[in-house]
Amino acid sequence: MAQSPLAQLLPFILLFVIFYFLIIRPQQKQHKAHKEMLESLKKGDTIVTSGGLIAEVVKPEEDFIKIRLSDSVVAKLDRNYVARKIGD
């Protein structure tokens, strides 16, 4: 007995829909929120880097951010390595 092509594809379609709502969509929302946070960084914000360093933003630039690690240490950090912002 032959099944219709739609009946054969239905489990795969259902699996994809579940996969989308449980994995893909939340990841897209998280990526969007992180991108908005990076764009909203301004002088004086406190951030945590991917390496776990806590620093203060001195000057946000297009690709990099100048950060202050201590009173005498100012460094450039790639925007991709900002994990989160502390205290909105």
C-alpha atoms as a PDB file:
ATOM      1  CA  MET A   1       0.000   0.000   0.000  1.00  0.00           C
ATOM      2  CA  ALA A   2       1.558   3.275  -1.141  1.00  0.00           C
ATOM      3  CA  GLN A   3       1.335   6.383   0.986  1.00  0.00           C
ATOM      4  CA  SER A   4       1.036   9.862  -0.393  1.00  0.00           C
ATOM      5  CA  PRO A   5       4.243  11.894  -0.593  1.00  0.00           C
ATOM      6  CA  LEU A   6       2.844  14.375   1.933  1.00  0.00           C
ATOM      7  CA  ALA A   7       2.247  11.634   4.482  1.00  0.00           C
ATOM      8  CA  GLN A   8       5.830  10.465   4.053  1.00  0.00           C
ATOM      9  CA  LEU A   9       7.235  13.988   4.549  1.00  0.00           C
ATOM     10  CA  LEU A  10       4.966  14.957   7.440  1.00  0.00           C
ATOM     11  CA  PRO A  11       7.248  13.537  10.198  1.00  0.00           C
ATOM     12  CA  PHE A  12      10.239  15.433   8.771  1.00  0.00           C
ATOM     13  CA  ILE A  13       8.259  18.658   8.538  1.00  0.00           C
ATOM     14  CA  LEU A  14       7.031  18.227  12.102  1.00  0.00           C
ATOM     15  CA  LEU A  15      10.588  17.533  13.297  1.00  0.00           C
ATOM     16  CA  PHE A  16      11.864  20.671  11.564  1.00  0.00           C
ATOM     17  CA  VAL A  17       9.117  22.828  13.125  1.00  0.00           C
ATOM     18  CA  ILE A  18       9.957  21.516  16.601  1.00  0.00           C
ATOM     19  CA  PHE A  19      13.680  22.009  15.947  1.00  0.00           C
ATOM     20  CA  TYR A  20      13.031  25.587  14.769  1.00  0.00           C
ATOM     21  CA  PHE A  21      11.009  26.634  17.821  1.00  0.00           C
ATOM     22  CA  LEU A  22      13.257  24.918  20.378  1.00  0.00           C
ATOM     23  CA  ILE A  23      16.699  25.727  18.978  1.00  0.00           C
ATOM     24  CA  ILE A  24      16.898  28.103  16.014  1.00  0.00           C
ATOM     25  CA  ARG A  25      14.439  30.823  17.073  1.00  0.00           C
ATOM     26  CA  PRO A  26      15.768  31.294  20.648  1.00  0.00           C
ATOM     27  CA  GLN A  27      19.325  31.445  19.304  1.00  0.00           C
ATOM     28  CA  GLN A  28      18.326  34.136  16.791  1.00  0.00           C
ATOM     29  CA  LYS A  29      16.665  36.180  19.569  1.00  0.00           C
ATOM     30  CA  GLN A  30      19.768  35.877  21.750  1.00  0.00           C
ATOM     31  CA  HIS A  31      22.033  36.931  18.865  1.00  0.00           C
ATOM     32  CA  LYS A  32      19.819  39.946  18.142  1.00  0.00           C
ATOM     33  CA  ALA A  33      19.813  41.019  21.808  1.00  0.00           C
ATOM     34  CA  HIS A  34      23.618  40.705  21.989  1.00  0.00           C
ATOM     35  CA  LYS A  35      24.026  42.760  18.815  1.00  0.00           C
ATOM     36  CA  GLU A  36      21.760  45.497  20.210  1.00  0.00           C
ATOM     37  CA  MET A  37      23.742  45.508  23.467  1.00  0.00           C
ATOM     38  CA  LEU A  38      27.004  45.948  21.529  1.00  0.00           C
ATOM     39  CA  GLU A  39      25.542  48.838  19.540  1.00  0.00           C
ATOM     40  CA  SER A  40      24.320  50.561  22.710  1.00  0.00           C
ATOM     41  CA  LEU A  41      27.693  50.546  24.510  1.00  0.00           C
ATOM     42  CA  LYS A  42      28.835  53.993  25.553  1.00  0.00           C
ATOM     43  CA  LYS A  43      31.597  55.578  27.579  1.00  0.00           C
ATOM     44  CA  GLY A  44      31.456  54.598  31.247  1.00  0.00           C
ATOM     45  CA  ASP A  45      29.624  51.270  30.772  1.00  0.00           C
ATOM     46  CA  THR A  46      31.036  48.291  32.644  1.00  0.00           C
ATOM     47  CA  ILE A  47      31.436  45.118  30.591  1.00  0.00           C
ATOM     48  CA  VAL A  48      32.596  41.543  31.026  1.00  0.00           C
ATOM     49  CA  THR A  49      34.782  40.131  28.259  1.00  0.00           C
ATOM     50  CA  SER A  50      34.668  36.572  26.970  1.00  0.00           C
ATOM     51  CA  GLY A  51      37.881  35.971  28.895  1.00  0.00           C
ATOM     52  CA  GLY A  52      36.224  37.013  32.151  1.00  0.00           C
ATOM     53  CA  LEU A  53      37.839  40.435  32.535  1.00  0.00           C
ATOM     54  CA  ILE A  54      35.716  43.234  33.942  1.00  0.00           C
ATOM     55  CA  ALA A  55      36.466  46.555  32.290  1.00  0.00           C
ATOM     56  CA  GLU A  56      35.072  50.042  31.767  1.00  0.00           C
ATOM     57  CA  VAL A  57      34.375  51.333  28.260  1.00  0.00           C
ATOM     58  CA  VAL A  58      36.558  54.344  27.477  1.00  0.00           C
ATOM     59  CA  LYS A  59      35.642  54.867  23.826  1.00  0.00           C
ATOM     60  CA  PRO A  60      33.440  52.693  21.604  1.00  0.00           C
ATOM     61  CA  GLU A  61      34.692  52.543  18.020  1.00  0.00           C
ATOM     62  CA  GLU A  62      33.331  50.815  14.928  1.00  0.00           C
ATOM     63  CA  ASP A  63      35.173  47.469  15.190  1.00  0.00           C
ATOM     64  CA  PHE A  64      36.947  47.828  18.520  1.00  0.00           C
ATOM     65  CA  ILE A  65      36.239  49.207  21.965  1.00  0.00           C
ATOM     66  CA  LYS A  66      38.837  50.977  24.064  1.00  0.00           C
ATOM     67  CA  ILE A  67      38.537  49.649  27.603  1.00  0.00           C
ATOM     68  CA  ARG A  68      40.110  50.551  30.935  1.00  0.00           C
ATOM     69  CA  LEU A  69      41.264  47.544  32.935  1.00  0.00           C
ATOM     70  CA  SER A  70      42.828  49.584  35.733  1.00  0.00           C
ATOM     71  CA  ASP A  71      43.779  53.219  36.318  1.00  0.00           C
ATOM     72  CA  SER A  72      46.862  52.958  34.118  1.00  0.00           C
ATOM     73  CA  VAL A  73      45.886  50.249  31.612  1.00  0.00           C
ATOM     74  CA  VAL A  74      43.802  51.068  28.537  1.00  0.00           C
ATOM     75  CA  ALA A  75      43.445  48.382  25.868  1.00  0.00           C
ATOM     76  CA  LYS A  76      41.598  47.796  22.621  1.00  0.00           C
ATOM     77  CA  LEU A  77      39.080  44.963  22.563  1.00  0.00           C
ATOM     78  CA  ASP A  78      37.362  43.470  19.536  1.00  0.00           C
ATOM     79  CA  ARG A  79      33.592  43.939  19.822  1.00  0.00           C
ATOM     80  CA  ASN A  80      33.083  40.200  19.304  1.00  0.00           C
ATOM     81  CA  TYR A  81      34.716  39.487  22.676  1.00  0.00           C
ATOM     82  CA  VAL A  82      32.265  41.466  24.794  1.00  0.00           C
ATOM     83  CA  ALA A  83      30.222  38.860  26.640  1.00  0.00           C
ATOM     84  CA  ARG A  84      27.799  41.110  28.495  1.00  0.00           C
ATOM     85  CA  LYS A  85      27.188  44.493  30.022  1.00  0.00           C
ATOM     86  CA  ILE A  86      26.975  44.842  33.801  1.00  0.00           C
ATOM     87  CA  GLY A  87      24.247  46.946  35.390  1.00  0.00           C
ATOM     88  CA  ASP A  88      21.978  48.575  32.846  1.00  0.00           C
END
